[in-house]
PDB file of all heavy atoms in Angstrom:
ATOM      1  N   GLY A   1      -8.588  -9.859   0.389  1.00  0.00           N
ATOM      2  CA  GLY A   1      -8.695 -10.160   1.809  1.00  0.00           C
ATOM      3  C   GLY A   1      -9.362 -11.501   2.051  1.00  0.00           C
ATOM      4  O   GLY A   1      -9.791 -12.184   1.126  1.00  0.00           O
ATOM      5  N   GLY A   2      -9.434 -11.873   3.324  1.00  0.00           N
ATOM      6  CA  GLY A   2     -10.071 -13.130   3.677  1.00  0.00           C
ATOM      7  C   GLY A   2      -9.729 -13.535   5.096  1.00  0.00           C
ATOM      8  O   GLY A   2      -9.157 -12.761   5.863  1.00  0.00           O
ATOM      9  N   LEU A   3     -10.089 -14.768   5.403  1.00  0.00           N
ATOM     10  CA  LEU A   3      -9.797 -15.346   6.721  1.00  0.00           C
ATOM     11  C   LEU A   3      -8.536 -16.197   6.608  1.00  0.00           C
ATOM     12  O   LEU A   3      -8.448 -17.061   5.726  1.00  0.00           O
ATOM     13  CB  LEU A   3     -10.972 -16.202   7.177  1.00  0.00           C
ATOM     14  CG  LEU A   3     -10.781 -17.018   8.466  1.00  0.00           C
ATOM     15  CD1 LEU A   3     -10.563 -16.103   9.651  1.00  0.00           C
ATOM     16  CD2 LEU A   3     -11.981 -17.931   8.687  1.00  0.00           C
ATOM     17  N   VAL A   4      -7.601 -15.959   7.489  1.00  0.00           N
ATOM     18  CA  VAL A   4      -6.337 -16.696   7.460  1.00  0.00           C
ATOM     19  C   VAL A   4      -5.912 -17.026   8.881  1.00  0.00           C
ATOM     20  O   VAL A   4      -6.218 -16.267   9.817  1.00  0.00           O
ATOM     21  CB  VAL A   4      -5.253 -15.885   6.712  1.00  0.00           C
ATOM     22  CG1 VAL A   4      -4.957 -14.587   7.439  1.00  0.00           C
ATOM     23  CG2 VAL A   4      -4.005 -16.698   6.480  1.00  0.00           C
ATOM     24  N   GLN A   5      -5.230 -18.131   9.048  1.00  0.00           N
ATOM     25  CA  GLN A   5      -4.743 -18.512  10.365  1.00  0.00           C
ATOM     26  C   GLN A   5      -3.500 -17.713  10.732  1.00  0.00           C
ATOM     27  O   GLN A   5      -2.775 -17.242   9.850  1.00  0.00           O
ATOM     28  CB  GLN A   5      -4.427 -20.006  10.391  1.00  0.00           C
ATOM     29  CG  GLN A   5      -5.661 -20.881  10.280  1.00  0.00           C
ATOM     30  CD  GLN A   5      -5.330 -22.353  10.461  1.00  0.00           C
ATOM     31  OE1 GLN A   5      -4.178 -22.767  10.325  1.00  0.00           O
ATOM     32  NE2 GLN A   5      -6.335 -23.151  10.783  1.00  0.00           N
ATOM     33  N   PRO A   6      -3.246 -17.561  12.017  1.00  0.00           N
ATOM     34  CA  PRO A   6      -1.999 -16.894  12.433  1.00  0.00           C
ATOM     35  C   PRO A   6      -0.789 -17.554  11.788  1.00  0.00           C
ATOM     36  O   PRO A   6      -0.711 -18.791  11.693  1.00  0.00           O
ATOM     37  CB  PRO A   6      -2.000 -17.090  13.953  1.00  0.00           C
ATOM     38  CG  PRO A   6      -3.443 -17.169  14.324  1.00  0.00           C
ATOM     39  CD  PRO A   6      -4.090 -17.911  13.181  1.00  0.00           C
ATOM     40  N   GLY A   7       0.119 -16.729  11.318  1.00  0.00           N
ATOM     41  CA  GLY A   7       1.298 -17.215  10.605  1.00  0.00           C
ATOM     42  C   GLY A   7       1.109 -17.324   9.112  1.00  0.00           C
ATOM     43  O   GLY A   7       2.080 -17.566   8.381  1.00  0.00           O
ATOM     44  N   GLY A   8      -0.111 -17.148   8.655  1.00  0.00           N
ATOM     45  CA  GLY A   8      -0.405 -17.267   7.235  1.00  0.00           C
ATOM     46  C   GLY A   8      -0.088 -16.004   6.446  1.00  0.00           C
ATOM     47  O   GLY A   8       0.425 -15.018   6.986  1.00  0.00           O
ATOM     48  N   SER A   9      -0.415 -16.067   5.157  1.00  0.00           N
ATOM     49  CA  SER A   9      -0.101 -14.976   4.236  1.00  0.00           C
ATOM     50  C   SER A   9      -1.319 -14.618   3.382  1.00  0.00           C
ATOM     51  O   SER A   9      -2.181 -15.476   3.130  1.00  0.00           O
ATOM     52  CB  SER A   9       1.048 -15.373   3.304  1.00  0.00           C
ATOM     53  OG  SER A   9       2.219 -15.644   4.026  1.00  0.00           O
ATOM     54  N   LEU A  10      -1.346 -13.382   2.962  1.00  0.00           N
ATOM     55  CA  LEU A  10      -2.332 -12.904   2.001  1.00  0.00           C
ATOM     56  C   LEU A  10      -1.671 -11.867   1.104  1.00  0.00           C
ATOM     57  O   LEU A  10      -0.717 -11.189   1.530  1.00  0.00           O
ATOM     58  CB  LEU A  10      -3.535 -12.255   2.696  1.00  0.00           C
ATOM     59  CG  LEU A  10      -4.587 -13.148   3.355  1.00  0.00           C
ATOM     60  CD1 LEU A  10      -5.591 -12.295   4.120  1.00  0.00           C
ATOM     61  CD2 LEU A  10      -5.291 -14.021   2.339  1.00  0.00           C
ATOM     62  N   ARG A  11      -2.205 -11.724  -0.088  1.00  0.00           N
ATOM     63  CA  ARG A  11      -1.752 -10.673  -0.987  1.00  0.00           C
ATOM     64  C   ARG A  11      -2.951  -9.815  -1.386  1.00  0.00           C
ATOM     65  O   ARG A  11      -3.890 -10.321  -2.007  1.00  0.00           O
ATOM     66  CB  ARG A  11      -1.101 -11.252  -2.243  1.00  0.00           C
ATOM     67  CG  ARG A  11      -0.430 -10.197  -3.105  1.00  0.00           C
ATOM     68  CD  ARG A  11      -0.058 -10.753  -4.453  1.00  0.00           C
ATOM     69  NE  ARG A  11       0.879  -9.876  -5.177  1.00  0.00           N
ATOM     70  CZ  ARG A  11       1.004  -9.839  -6.496  1.00  0.00           C
ATOM     71  NH1 ARG A  11       0.254 -10.624  -7.241  1.00  0.00           N
ATOM     72  NH2 ARG A  11       1.885  -9.044  -7.067  1.00  0.00           N
ATOM     73  N   LEU A  12      -2.891  -8.569  -1.027  1.00  0.00           N
ATOM     74  CA  LEU A  12      -3.957  -7.632  -1.369  1.00  0.00           C
ATOM     75  C   LEU A  12      -3.615  -6.901  -2.659  1.00  0.00           C
ATOM     76  O   LEU A  12      -2.444  -6.651  -2.958  1.00  0.00           O
ATOM     77  CB  LEU A  12      -4.145  -6.610  -0.248  1.00  0.00           C
ATOM     78  CG  LEU A  12      -4.372  -7.157   1.157  1.00  0.00           C
ATOM     79  CD1 LEU A  12      -4.630  -6.001   2.121  1.00  0.00           C
ATOM     80  CD2 LEU A  12      -5.499  -8.155   1.186  1.00  0.00           C
ATOM     81  N   SER A  13      -4.651  -6.547  -3.394  1.00  0.00           N
ATOM     82  CA  SER A  13      -4.501  -5.764  -4.615  1.00  0.00           C
ATOM     83  C   SER A  13      -5.414  -4.554  -4.553  1.00  0.00           C
ATOM     84  O   SER A  13      -6.472  -4.591  -3.918  1.00  0.00           O
ATOM     85  CB  SER A  13      -4.858  -6.602  -5.847  1.00  0.00           C
ATOM     86  OG  SER A  13      -4.016  -7.716  -5.975  1.00  0.00           O
ATOM     87  N   CYS A  14      -5.002  -3.514  -5.243  1.00  0.00           N
ATOM     88  CA  CYS A  14      -5.823  -2.308  -5.341  1.00  0.00           C
ATOM     89  C   CYS A  14      -5.739  -1.807  -6.775  1.00  0.00           C
ATOM     90  O   CYS A  14      -4.661  -1.412  -7.237  1.00  0.00           O
ATOM     91  CB  CYS A  14      -5.315  -1.247  -4.388  1.00  0.00           C
ATOM     92  SG  CYS A  14      -6.049   0.394  -4.637  1.00  0.00           S
ATOM     93  N   ALA A  15      -6.871  -1.840  -7.460  1.00  0.00           N
ATOM     94  CA  ALA A  15      -6.946  -1.350  -8.819  1.00  0.00           C
ATOM     95  C   ALA A  15      -7.399   0.104  -8.800  1.00  0.00           C
ATOM     96  O   ALA A  15      -8.441   0.423  -8.226  1.00  0.00           O
ATOM     97  CB  ALA A  15      -7.921  -2.196  -9.627  1.00  0.00           C
ATOM     98  N   ALA A  16      -6.607   0.952  -9.412  1.00  0.00           N
ATOM     99  CA  ALA A  16      -6.893   2.389  -9.399  1.00  0.00           C
ATOM    100  C   ALA A  16      -7.296   2.859 -10.792  1.00  0.00           C
ATOM    101  O   ALA A  16      -6.721   2.419 -11.792  1.00  0.00           O
ATOM    102  CB  ALA A  16      -5.667   3.174  -8.935  1.00  0.00           C
ATOM    103  N   SER A  17      -8.273   3.742 -10.830  1.00  0.00           N
ATOM    104  CA  SER A  17      -8.671   4.372 -12.086  1.00  0.00           C
ATOM    105  C   SER A  17      -9.023   5.823 -11.792  1.00  0.00           C
ATOM    106  O   SER A  17      -9.328   6.197 -10.664  1.00  0.00           O
ATOM    107  CB  SER A  17      -9.851   3.640 -12.717  1.00  0.00           C
ATOM    108  OG  SER A  17     -10.971   3.652 -11.860  1.00  0.00           O
ATOM    109  N   GLY A  18      -8.940   6.633 -12.842  1.00  0.00           N
ATOM    110  CA  GLY A  18      -9.274   8.048 -12.686  1.00  0.00           C
ATOM    111  C   GLY A  18      -8.151   8.910 -12.162  1.00  0.00           C
ATOM    112  O   GLY A  18      -8.352  10.097 -11.917  1.00  0.00           O
ATOM    113  N   ILE A  19      -6.977   8.317 -11.964  1.00  0.00           N
ATOM    114  CA  ILE A  19      -5.813   9.094 -11.550  1.00  0.00           C
ATOM    115  C   ILE A  19      -4.629   8.663 -12.412  1.00  0.00           C
ATOM    116  O   ILE A  19      -4.624   7.564 -12.966  1.00  0.00           O
ATOM    117  CB  ILE A  19      -5.450   8.888 -10.065  1.00  0.00           C
ATOM    118  CG1 ILE A  19      -5.145   7.408  -9.773  1.00  0.00           C
ATOM    119  CG2 ILE A  19      -6.540   9.405  -9.157  1.00  0.00           C
ATOM    120  CD1 ILE A  19      -4.629   7.155  -8.384  1.00  0.00           C
ATOM    121  N   ILE A  20      -3.635   9.542 -12.508  1.00  0.00           N
ATOM    122  CA  ILE A  20      -2.400   9.152 -13.188  1.00  0.00           C
ATOM    123  C   ILE A  20      -1.565   8.426 -12.137  1.00  0.00           C
ATOM    124  O   ILE A  20      -0.784   9.024 -11.399  1.00  0.00           O
ATOM    125  CB  ILE A  20      -1.671  10.369 -13.774  1.00  0.00           C
ATOM    126  CG1 ILE A  20      -2.624  11.137 -14.692  1.00  0.00           C
ATOM    127  CG2 ILE A  20      -0.435   9.905 -14.533  1.00  0.00           C
ATOM    128  CD1 ILE A  20      -2.038  12.430 -15.235  1.00  0.00           C
ATOM    129  N   PHE A  21      -1.791   7.136 -12.054  1.00  0.00           N
ATOM    130  CA  PHE A  21      -1.261   6.307 -10.981  1.00  0.00           C
ATOM    131  C   PHE A  21       0.250   6.430 -10.853  1.00  0.00           C
ATOM    132  O   PHE A  21       0.789   6.512  -9.751  1.00  0.00           O
ATOM    133  CB  PHE A  21      -1.672   4.858 -11.257  1.00  0.00           C
ATOM    134  CG  PHE A  21      -1.255   3.870 -10.218  1.00  0.00           C
ATOM    135  CD1 PHE A  21      -1.983   3.720  -9.046  1.00  0.00           C
ATOM    136  CD2 PHE A  21      -0.140   3.054 -10.415  1.00  0.00           C
ATOM    137  CE1 PHE A  21      -1.609   2.789  -8.087  1.00  0.00           C
ATOM    138  CE2 PHE A  21       0.235   2.126  -9.475  1.00  0.00           C
ATOM    139  CZ  PHE A  21      -0.499   1.992  -8.303  1.00  0.00           C
ATOM    140  N   SER A  22       0.925   6.488 -11.993  1.00  0.00           N
ATOM    141  CA  SER A  22       2.388   6.397 -11.981  1.00  0.00           C
ATOM    142  C   SER A  22       3.063   7.600 -11.324  1.00  0.00           C
ATOM    143  O   SER A  22       4.235   7.522 -10.964  1.00  0.00           O
ATOM    144  CB  SER A  22       2.916   6.219 -13.401  1.00  0.00           C
ATOM    145  OG  SER A  22       2.546   7.335 -14.192  1.00  0.00           O
ATOM    146  N   ILE A  23       2.352   8.708 -11.159  1.00  0.00           N
ATOM    147  CA  ILE A  23       2.979   9.895 -10.570  1.00  0.00           C
ATOM    148  C   ILE A  23       2.518  10.121  -9.133  1.00  0.00           C
ATOM    149  O   ILE A  23       2.738  11.196  -8.577  1.00  0.00           O
ATOM    150  CB  ILE A  23       2.705  11.166 -11.407  1.00  0.00           C
ATOM    151  CG1 ILE A  23       1.215  11.511 -11.413  1.00  0.00           C
ATOM    152  CG2 ILE A  23       3.237  10.997 -12.817  1.00  0.00           C
ATOM    153  CD1 ILE A  23       0.942  12.889 -12.005  1.00  0.00           C
ATOM    154  N   ARG A  24       1.915   9.109  -8.544  1.00  0.00           N
ATOM    155  CA  ARG A  24       1.391   9.250  -7.182  1.00  0.00           C
ATOM    156  C   ARG A  24       2.150   8.358  -6.209  1.00  0.00           C
ATOM    157  O   ARG A  24       2.424   7.187  -6.511  1.00  0.00           O
ATOM    158  CB  ARG A  24      -0.083   8.857  -7.148  1.00  0.00           C
ATOM    159  CG  ARG A  24      -0.974   9.701  -8.034  1.00  0.00           C
ATOM    160  CD  ARG A  24      -1.113  11.098  -7.506  1.00  0.00           C
ATOM    161  NE  ARG A  24      -2.076  11.870  -8.296  1.00  0.00           N
ATOM    162  CZ  ARG A  24      -2.425  13.109  -8.032  1.00  0.00           C
ATOM    163  NH1 ARG A  24      -1.901  13.730  -6.984  1.00  0.00           N
ATOM    164  NH2 ARG A  24      -3.310  13.733  -8.797  1.00  0.00           N
ATOM    165  N   THR A  25       2.445   8.909  -5.060  1.00  0.00           N
ATOM    166  CA  THR A  25       2.852   8.061  -3.941  1.00  0.00           C
ATOM    167  C   THR A  25       1.581   7.404  -3.413  1.00  0.00           C
ATOM    168  O   THR A  25       0.611   8.088  -3.092  1.00  0.00           O
ATOM    169  CB  THR A  25       3.527   8.880  -2.835  1.00  0.00           C
ATOM    170  OG1 THR A  25       4.780   9.363  -3.312  1.00  0.00           O
ATOM    171  CG2 THR A  25       3.756   8.035  -1.594  1.00  0.00           C
ATOM    172  N   MET A  26       1.583   6.091  -3.372  1.00  0.00           N
ATOM    173  CA  MET A  26       0.404   5.335  -2.987  1.00  0.00           C
ATOM    174  C   MET A  26       0.642   4.621  -1.656  1.00  0.00           C
ATOM    175  O   MET A  26       1.783   4.329  -1.279  1.00  0.00           O
ATOM    176  CB  MET A  26       0.029   4.330  -4.056  1.00  0.00           C
ATOM    177  CG  MET A  26      -0.376   4.960  -5.377  1.00  0.00           C
ATOM    178  SD  MET A  26      -1.862   5.992  -5.277  1.00  0.00           S
ATOM    179  CE  MET A  26      -3.114   4.768  -4.863  1.00  0.00           C
ATOM    180  N   ALA A  27      -0.440   4.327  -0.981  1.00  0.00           N
ATOM    181  CA  ALA A  27      -0.315   3.781   0.374  1.00  0.00           C
ATOM    182  C   ALA A  27      -1.413   2.779   0.682  1.00  0.00           C
ATOM    183  O   ALA A  27      -2.471   2.785   0.053  1.00  0.00           O
ATOM    184  CB  ALA A  27      -0.367   4.925   1.389  1.00  0.00           C
ATOM    185  N   TRP A  28      -1.122   1.955   1.649  1.00  0.00           N
ATOM    186  CA  TRP A  28      -2.121   1.076   2.260  1.00  0.00           C
ATOM    187  C   TRP A  28      -2.395   1.576   3.675  1.00  0.00           C
ATOM    188  O   TRP A  28      -1.461   1.925   4.412  1.00  0.00           O
ATOM    189  CB  TRP A  28      -1.636  -0.361   2.322  1.00  0.00           C
ATOM    190  CG  TRP A  28      -1.686  -1.071   1.005  1.00  0.00           C
ATOM    191  CD1 TRP A  28      -0.661  -1.268   0.133  1.00  0.00           C
ATOM    192  CD2 TRP A  28      -2.832  -1.687   0.418  1.00  0.00           C
ATOM    193  NE1 TRP A  28      -1.095  -1.960  -0.960  1.00  0.00           N
ATOM    194  CE2 TRP A  28      -2.431  -2.243  -0.810  1.00  0.00           C
ATOM    195  CE3 TRP A  28      -4.173  -1.852   0.805  1.00  0.00           C
ATOM    196  CZ2 TRP A  28      -3.297  -2.939  -1.658  1.00  0.00           C
ATOM    197  CZ3 TRP A  28      -5.034  -2.536  -0.024  1.00  0.00           C
ATOM    198  CH2 TRP A  28      -4.606  -3.068  -1.244  1.00  0.00           C
ATOM    199  N   PHE A  29      -3.661   1.575   4.017  1.00  0.00           N
ATOM    200  CA  PHE A  29      -4.117   1.925   5.355  1.00  0.00           C
ATOM    201  C   PHE A  29      -4.940   0.755   5.883  1.00  0.00           C
ATOM    202  O   PHE A  29      -5.382  -0.103   5.129  1.00  0.00           O
ATOM    203  CB  PHE A  29      -5.013   3.165   5.317  1.00  0.00           C
ATOM    204  CG  PHE A  29      -4.348   4.406   4.800  1.00  0.00           C
ATOM    205  CD1 PHE A  29      -4.169   4.622   3.441  1.00  0.00           C
ATOM    206  CD2 PHE A  29      -3.905   5.386   5.678  1.00  0.00           C
ATOM    207  CE1 PHE A  29      -3.564   5.775   2.966  1.00  0.00           C
ATOM    208  CE2 PHE A  29      -3.300   6.541   5.217  1.00  0.00           C
ATOM    209  CZ  PHE A  29      -3.133   6.731   3.851  1.00  0.00           C
ATOM    210  N   ARG A  30      -5.171   0.745   7.181  1.00  0.00           N
ATOM    211  CA  ARG A  30      -6.077  -0.249   7.744  1.00  0.00           C
ATOM    212  C   ARG A  30      -6.831   0.351   8.922  1.00  0.00           C
ATOM    213  O   ARG A  30      -6.365   1.288   9.566  1.00  0.00           O
ATOM    214  CB  ARG A  30      -5.332  -1.506   8.182  1.00  0.00           C
ATOM    215  CG  ARG A  30      -4.383  -1.325   9.359  1.00  0.00           C
ATOM    216  CD  ARG A  30      -3.624  -2.623   9.616  1.00  0.00           C
ATOM    217  NE  ARG A  30      -2.704  -2.496  10.748  1.00  0.00           N
ATOM    218  CZ  ARG A  30      -1.836  -3.441  11.110  1.00  0.00           C
ATOM    219  NH1 ARG A  30      -1.768  -4.589  10.419  1.00  0.00           N
ATOM    220  NH2 ARG A  30      -1.058  -3.247  12.145  1.00  0.00           N
ATOM    221  N   GLN A  31      -7.997  -0.215   9.158  1.00  0.00           N
ATOM    222  CA  GLN A  31      -8.814   0.225  10.275  1.00  0.00           C
ATOM    223  C   GLN A  31      -9.373  -0.990  10.989  1.00  0.00           C
ATOM    224  O   GLN A  31     -10.162  -1.753  10.407  1.00  0.00           O
ATOM    225  CB  GLN A  31      -9.944   1.141   9.820  1.00  0.00           C
ATOM    226  CG  GLN A  31     -10.718   1.759  10.965  1.00  0.00           C
ATOM    227  CD  GLN A  31     -11.613   2.901  10.515  1.00  0.00           C
ATOM    228  OE1 GLN A  31     -11.948   3.033   9.339  1.00  0.00           O
ATOM    229  NE2 GLN A  31     -11.990   3.748  11.456  1.00  0.00           N
ATOM    230  N   ALA A  32      -8.955  -1.169  12.222  1.00  0.00           N
ATOM    231  CA  ALA A  32      -9.445  -2.256  13.046  1.00  0.00           C
ATOM    232  C   ALA A  32     -10.699  -1.795  13.788  1.00  0.00           C
ATOM    233  O   ALA A  32     -10.906  -0.583  13.976  1.00  0.00           O
ATOM    234  CB  ALA A  32      -8.374  -2.688  14.038  1.00  0.00           C
ATOM    235  N   PRO A  33     -11.536  -2.721  14.206  1.00  0.00           N
ATOM    236  CA  PRO A  33     -12.758  -2.348  14.920  1.00  0.00           C
ATOM    237  C   PRO A  33     -12.470  -1.471  16.134  1.00  0.00           C
ATOM    238  O   PRO A  33     -11.599  -1.791  16.946  1.00  0.00           O
ATOM    239  CB  PRO A  33     -13.338  -3.700  15.344  1.00  0.00           C
ATOM    240  CG  PRO A  33     -12.807  -4.665  14.349  1.00  0.00           C
ATOM    241  CD  PRO A  33     -11.438  -4.175  14.001  1.00  0.00           C
ATOM    242  N   GLY A  34     -13.162  -0.343  16.213  1.00  0.00           N
ATOM    243  CA  GLY A  34     -13.008   0.549  17.348  1.00  0.00           C
ATOM    244  C   GLY A  34     -11.750   1.387  17.342  1.00  0.00           C
ATOM    245  O   GLY A  34     -11.463   2.085  18.322  1.00  0.00           O
ATOM    246  N   LYS A  35     -10.999   1.331  16.253  1.00  0.00           N
ATOM    247  CA  LYS A  35      -9.744   2.087  16.179  1.00  0.00           C
ATOM    248  C   LYS A  35      -9.760   3.033  14.986  1.00  0.00           C
ATOM    249  O   LYS A  35     -10.535   2.865  14.050  1.00  0.00           O
ATOM    250  CB  LYS A  35      -8.552   1.136  16.075  1.00  0.00           C
ATOM    251  CG  LYS A  35      -8.348   0.286  17.316  1.00  0.00           C
ATOM    252  CD  LYS A  35      -7.056  -0.515  17.210  1.00  0.00           C
ATOM    253  CE  LYS A  35      -6.804  -1.313  18.472  1.00  0.00           C
ATOM    254  NZ  LYS A  35      -5.525  -2.079  18.397  1.00  0.00           N
ATOM    255  N   GLN A  36      -8.869   4.001  15.033  1.00  0.00           N
ATOM    256  CA  GLN A  36      -8.738   4.921  13.916  1.00  0.00           C
ATOM    257  C   GLN A  36      -7.995   4.259  12.762  1.00  0.00           C
ATOM    258  O   GLN A  36      -7.205   3.335  12.968  1.00  0.00           O
ATOM    259  CB  GLN A  36      -7.988   6.174  14.363  1.00  0.00           C
ATOM    260  CG  GLN A  36      -8.796   7.099  15.261  1.00  0.00           C
ATOM    261  CD  GLN A  36      -8.113   8.435  15.462  1.00  0.00           C
ATOM    262  OE1 GLN A  36      -6.884   8.540  15.406  1.00  0.00           O
ATOM    263  NE2 GLN A  36      -8.893   9.477  15.697  1.00  0.00           N
ATOM    264  N   ARG A  37      -8.262   4.750  11.572  1.00  0.00           N
ATOM    265  CA  ARG A  37      -7.531   4.285  10.403  1.00  0.00           C
ATOM    266  C   ARG A  37      -6.066   4.648  10.561  1.00  0.00           C
ATOM    267  O   ARG A  37      -5.735   5.764  10.988  1.00  0.00           O
ATOM    268  CB  ARG A  37      -8.108   4.917   9.146  1.00  0.00           C
ATOM    269  CG  ARG A  37      -7.584   4.351   7.847  1.00  0.00           C
ATOM    270  CD  ARG A  37      -8.359   4.959   6.682  1.00  0.00           C
ATOM    271  NE  ARG A  37      -9.733   4.482   6.647  1.00  0.00           N
ATOM    272  CZ  ARG A  37     -10.710   5.083   5.971  1.00  0.00           C
ATOM    273  NH1 ARG A  37     -10.470   6.188   5.299  1.00  0.00           N
ATOM    274  NH2 ARG A  37     -11.934   4.589   5.986  1.00  0.00           N
ATOM    275  N   GLU A  38      -5.182   3.709  10.213  1.00  0.00           N
ATOM    276  CA  GLU A  38      -3.745   3.960  10.344  1.00  0.00           C
ATOM    277  C   GLU A  38      -3.023   3.630   9.041  1.00  0.00           C
ATOM    278  O   GLU A  38      -3.442   2.764   8.275  1.00  0.00           O
ATOM    279  CB  GLU A  38      -3.154   3.119  11.479  1.00  0.00           C
ATOM    280  CG  GLU A  38      -3.238   1.623  11.279  1.00  0.00           C
ATOM    281  CD  GLU A  38      -2.494   0.843  12.360  1.00  0.00           C
ATOM    282  OE1 GLU A  38      -1.724   1.442  13.133  1.00  0.00           O
ATOM    283  OE2 GLU A  38      -2.672  -0.389  12.409  1.00  0.00           O
ATOM    284  N   LEU A  39      -1.920   4.319   8.846  1.00  0.00           N
ATOM    285  CA  LEU A  39      -1.082   4.079   7.684  1.00  0.00           C
ATOM    286  C   LEU A  39      -0.261   2.819   7.918  1.00  0.00           C
ATOM    287  O   LEU A  39       0.384   2.671   8.950  1.00  0.00           O
ATOM    288  CB  LEU A  39      -0.162   5.273   7.455  1.00  0.00           C
ATOM    289  CG  LEU A  39       0.852   5.167   6.321  1.00  0.00           C
ATOM    290  CD1 LEU A  39       0.141   5.139   4.976  1.00  0.00           C
ATOM    291  CD2 LEU A  39       1.829   6.335   6.376  1.00  0.00           C
ATOM    292  N   VAL A  40      -0.279   1.933   6.940  1.00  0.00           N
ATOM    293  CA  VAL A  40       0.462   0.677   7.033  1.00  0.00           C
ATOM    294  C   VAL A  40       1.781   0.772   6.271  1.00  0.00           C
ATOM    295  O   VAL A  40       2.839   0.393   6.788  1.00  0.00           O
ATOM    296  CB  VAL A  40      -0.379  -0.485   6.472  1.00  0.00           C
ATOM    297  CG1 VAL A  40       0.437  -1.769   6.406  1.00  0.00           C
ATOM    298  CG2 VAL A  40      -1.642  -0.676   7.303  1.00  0.00           C
ATOM    299  N   ALA A  41       1.723   1.280   5.054  1.00  0.00           N
ATOM    300  CA  ALA A  41       2.909   1.363   4.212  1.00  0.00           C
ATOM    301  C   ALA A  41       2.629   2.301   3.058  1.00  0.00           C
ATOM    302  O   ALA A  41       1.481   2.482   2.664  1.00  0.00           O
ATOM    303  CB  ALA A  41       3.293  -0.018   3.677  1.00  0.00           C
ATOM    304  N   PHE A  42       3.713   2.901   2.520  1.00  0.00           N
ATOM    305  CA  PHE A  42       3.547   3.665   1.294  1.00  0.00           C
ATOM    306  C   PHE A  42       4.731   3.427   0.369  1.00  0.00           C
ATOM    307  O   PHE A  42       5.803   2.976   0.803  1.00  0.00           O
ATOM    308  CB  PHE A  42       3.321   5.161   1.555  1.00  0.00           C
ATOM    309  CG  PHE A  42       4.471   5.907   2.149  1.00  0.00           C
ATOM    310  CD1 PHE A  42       5.475   6.437   1.343  1.00  0.00           C
ATOM    311  CD2 PHE A  42       4.538   6.145   3.520  1.00  0.00           C
ATOM    312  CE1 PHE A  42       6.523   7.155   1.890  1.00  0.00           C
ATOM    313  CE2 PHE A  42       5.574   6.869   4.076  1.00  0.00           C
ATOM    314  CZ  PHE A  42       6.578   7.374   3.269  1.00  0.00           C
TER     315      PHE A  42
END
């Protein structure tokens, strides 16, 4: 993550351990200030 200008790009990574990653449906969520956590993609 970081600070980016409108129109810009970022690439997020998530390193997982302690699970058999390859057999899991995985997802990204996000939570904006004052809002509930929401599903972004899976």
